[in-house]
Amino acid sequence: MRTLFAVLFGIAALFVFLAVASILNKRTARSVDGARWFIWLWLAATVIDFMVGVRAGHGVALELGVHALIFAVPAALAWYLRSRPRASPEGEKEVRPSSDE
């Protein structure tokens, strides 16, 4: 159950990072990549939590498996959201000629 809560917390934190990055991108000329910031900070948080679990007496193999899942699910979602194609601000999609023309 703790693993599920940690994954859900990670997904919620991802959306907070994306919202803050969106606000910052509208207010400043610099581009802020919320997904990239999230992935690095989420990795640091899961490593720290892993070390706390090992010091508390849990087995390294068990903690490694659990924390791999806790990190991978939100990080994969962040990577997907970062790399998906975005619509242009005008709402038009880019039209490419077909290869048979």
C-alpha atoms as a PDB file:
ATOM      1  CA  MET A   1       0.000   0.000   0.000  1.00  0.00           C
ATOM      2  CA  ARG A   2       2.889   2.335   0.780  1.00  0.00           C
ATOM      3  CA  THR A   3       4.286   1.752  -2.705  1.00  0.00           C
ATOM      4  CA  LEU A   4       0.973   2.712  -4.299  1.00  0.00           C
ATOM      5  CA  PHE A   5       0.823   5.910  -2.241  1.00  0.00           C
ATOM      6  CA  ALA A   6       4.401   6.763  -3.193  1.00  0.00           C
ATOM      7  CA  VAL A   7       3.672   6.267  -6.906  1.00  0.00           C
ATOM      8  CA  LEU A   8       0.487   8.350  -6.684  1.00  0.00           C
ATOM      9  CA  PHE A   9       2.374  11.058  -4.781  1.00  0.00           C
ATOM     10  CA  GLY A  10       5.019  11.047  -7.509  1.00  0.00           C
ATOM     11  CA  ILE A  11       2.402  11.474 -10.232  1.00  0.00           C
ATOM     12  CA  ALA A  12       0.769  14.317  -8.302  1.00  0.00           C
ATOM     13  CA  ALA A  13       4.167  15.962  -7.811  1.00  0.00           C
ATOM     14  CA  LEU A  14       4.825  15.626 -11.547  1.00  0.00           C
ATOM     15  CA  PHE A  15       1.683  17.565 -12.385  1.00  0.00           C
ATOM     16  CA  VAL A  16       2.657  20.255  -9.872  1.00  0.00           C
ATOM     17  CA  PHE A  17       6.076  20.559 -11.554  1.00  0.00           C
ATOM     18  CA  LEU A  18       4.447  20.763 -14.989  1.00  0.00           C
ATOM     19  CA  ALA A  19       1.994  23.434 -13.812  1.00  0.00           C
ATOM     20  CA  VAL A  20       4.736  25.542 -12.235  1.00  0.00           C
ATOM     21  CA  ALA A  21       6.890  25.190 -15.368  1.00  0.00           C
ATOM     22  CA  SER A  22       3.953  26.256 -17.530  1.00  0.00           C
ATOM     23  CA  ILE A  23       3.398  29.360 -15.399  1.00  0.00           C
ATOM     24  CA  LEU A  24       7.106  30.217 -15.464  1.00  0.00           C
ATOM     25  CA  ASN A  25       7.288  29.714 -19.234  1.00  0.00           C
ATOM     26  CA  LYS A  26       4.456  32.206 -19.745  1.00  0.00           C
ATOM     27  CA  ARG A  27       6.051  34.819 -17.471  1.00  0.00           C
ATOM     28  CA  THR A  28       9.682  34.617 -18.543  1.00  0.00           C
ATOM     29  CA  ALA A  29      11.600  34.335 -21.783  1.00  0.00           C
ATOM     30  CA  ARG A  30      13.524  31.330 -20.487  1.00  0.00           C
ATOM     31  CA  SER A  31      12.170  27.858 -21.123  1.00  0.00           C
ATOM     32  CA  VAL A  32      11.702  25.707 -18.017  1.00  0.00           C
ATOM     33  CA  ASP A  33      11.401  21.950 -18.487  1.00  0.00           C
ATOM     34  CA  GLY A  34       9.251  20.799 -15.571  1.00  0.00           C
ATOM     35  CA  ALA A  35       9.476  17.131 -16.536  1.00  0.00           C
ATOM     36  CA  ARG A  36      13.270  17.144 -16.540  1.00  0.00           C
ATOM     37  CA  TRP A  37      13.420  18.899 -13.143  1.00  0.00           C
ATOM     38  CA  PHE A  38      10.889  16.418 -11.779  1.00  0.00           C
ATOM     39  CA  ILE A  39      12.812  13.363 -12.970  1.00  0.00           C
ATOM     40  CA  TRP A  40      16.061  14.485 -11.332  1.00  0.00           C
ATOM     41  CA  LEU A  41      14.443  15.511  -8.056  1.00  0.00           C
ATOM     42  CA  TRP A  42      12.273  12.381  -7.968  1.00  0.00           C
ATOM     43  CA  LEU A  43      15.397  10.255  -8.483  1.00  0.00           C
ATOM     44  CA  ALA A  44      17.081  11.992  -5.548  1.00  0.00           C
ATOM     45  CA  ALA A  45      13.996  11.500  -3.350  1.00  0.00           C
ATOM     46  CA  THR A  46      13.714   7.796  -4.176  1.00  0.00           C
ATOM     47  CA  VAL A  47      17.428   7.205  -3.542  1.00  0.00           C
ATOM     48  CA  ILE A  48      17.171   8.905  -0.142  1.00  0.00           C
ATOM     49  CA  ASP A  49      14.058   6.880   0.700  1.00  0.00           C
ATOM     50  CA  PHE A  50      15.864   3.717  -0.429  1.00  0.00           C
ATOM     51  CA  MET A  51      18.761   4.426   1.932  1.00  0.00           C
ATOM     52  CA  VAL A  52      16.374   5.106   4.814  1.00  0.00           C
ATOM     53  CA  GLY A  53      14.642   1.769   4.173  1.00  0.00           C
ATOM     54  CA  VAL A  54      17.915  -0.153   4.069  1.00  0.00           C
ATOM     55  CA  ARG A  55      19.116   1.484   7.287  1.00  0.00           C
ATOM     56  CA  ALA A  56      15.795   0.558   8.899  1.00  0.00           C
ATOM     57  CA  GLY A  57      16.617  -3.104   8.305  1.00  0.00           C
ATOM     58  CA  HIS A  58      14.826  -3.935   5.057  1.00  0.00           C
ATOM     59  CA  GLY A  59      16.684  -6.061   2.546  1.00  0.00           C
ATOM     60  CA  VAL A  60      18.531  -4.315  -0.260  1.00  0.00           C
ATOM     61  CA  ALA A  61      16.909  -6.493  -2.948  1.00  0.00           C
ATOM     62  CA  LEU A  62      13.408  -5.784  -1.645  1.00  0.00           C
ATOM     63  CA  GLU A  63      14.031  -2.045  -1.349  1.00  0.00           C
ATOM     64  CA  LEU A  64      15.662  -1.920  -4.770  1.00  0.00           C
ATOM     65  CA  GLY A  65      12.667  -3.576  -6.427  1.00  0.00           C
ATOM     66  CA  VAL A  66      10.132  -1.386  -4.651  1.00  0.00           C
ATOM     67  CA  HIS A  67      12.026   1.831  -5.294  1.00  0.00           C
ATOM     68  CA  ALA A  68      12.616   0.967  -8.933  1.00  0.00           C
ATOM     69  CA  LEU A  69       8.836   0.837  -9.313  1.00  0.00           C
ATOM     70  CA  ILE A  70       8.311   3.987  -7.251  1.00  0.00           C
ATOM     71  CA  PHE A  71      10.777   5.863  -9.473  1.00  0.00           C
ATOM     72  CA  ALA A  72       9.961   4.310 -12.844  1.00  0.00           C
ATOM     73  CA  VAL A  73       6.200   4.877 -13.070  1.00  0.00           C
ATOM     74  CA  PRO A  74       6.149   8.666 -12.465  1.00  0.00           C
ATOM     75  CA  ALA A  75       9.432   9.159 -14.370  1.00  0.00           C
ATOM     76  CA  ALA A  76       8.104   7.260 -17.396  1.00  0.00           C
ATOM     77  CA  LEU A  77       4.950   9.374 -17.362  1.00  0.00           C
ATOM     78  CA  ALA A  78       7.091  12.533 -17.147  1.00  0.00           C
ATOM     79  CA  TRP A  79       9.229  11.361 -20.064  1.00  0.00           C
ATOM     80  CA  TYR A  80       6.130  10.567 -22.123  1.00  0.00           C
ATOM     81  CA  LEU A  81       4.530  13.944 -21.417  1.00  0.00           C
ATOM     82  CA  ARG A  82       7.809  15.688 -22.239  1.00  0.00           C
ATOM     83  CA  SER A  83       8.374  13.921 -25.560  1.00  0.00           C
ATOM     84  CA  ARG A  84       4.862  13.838 -26.984  1.00  0.00           C
ATOM     85  CA  PRO A  85       4.142  16.139 -29.910  1.00  0.00           C
ATOM     86  CA  ARG A  86       2.473  19.405 -28.991  1.00  0.00           C
ATOM     87  CA  ALA A  87      -0.089  21.308 -31.012  1.00  0.00           C
ATOM     88  CA  SER A  88       0.910  24.725 -32.272  1.00  0.00           C
ATOM     89  CA  PRO A  89      -0.503  27.755 -30.443  1.00  0.00           C
ATOM     90  CA  GLU A  90      -2.817  28.462 -33.392  1.00  0.00           C
ATOM     91  CA  GLY A  91      -4.283  24.974 -33.103  1.00  0.00           C
ATOM     92  CA  GLU A  92      -3.066  23.943 -36.539  1.00  0.00           C
ATOM     93  CA  LYS A  93      -1.129  20.756 -37.091  1.00  0.00           C
ATOM     94  CA  GLU A  94       1.971  20.641 -39.234  1.00  0.00           C
ATOM     95  CA  VAL A  95       1.179  19.214 -42.659  1.00  0.00           C
ATOM     96  CA  ARG A  96       3.924  17.253 -44.358  1.00  0.00           C
ATOM     97  CA  PRO A  97       3.794  16.187 -47.989  1.00  0.00           C
ATOM     98  CA  SER A  98       3.470  12.480 -48.584  1.00  0.00           C
ATOM     99  CA  SER A  99       6.450  10.561 -49.932  1.00  0.00           C
ATOM    100  CA  ASP A 100       4.667   9.630 -53.195  1.00  0.00           C
ATOM    101  CA  GLU A 101       4.420  13.217 -54.449  1.00  0.00           C
END
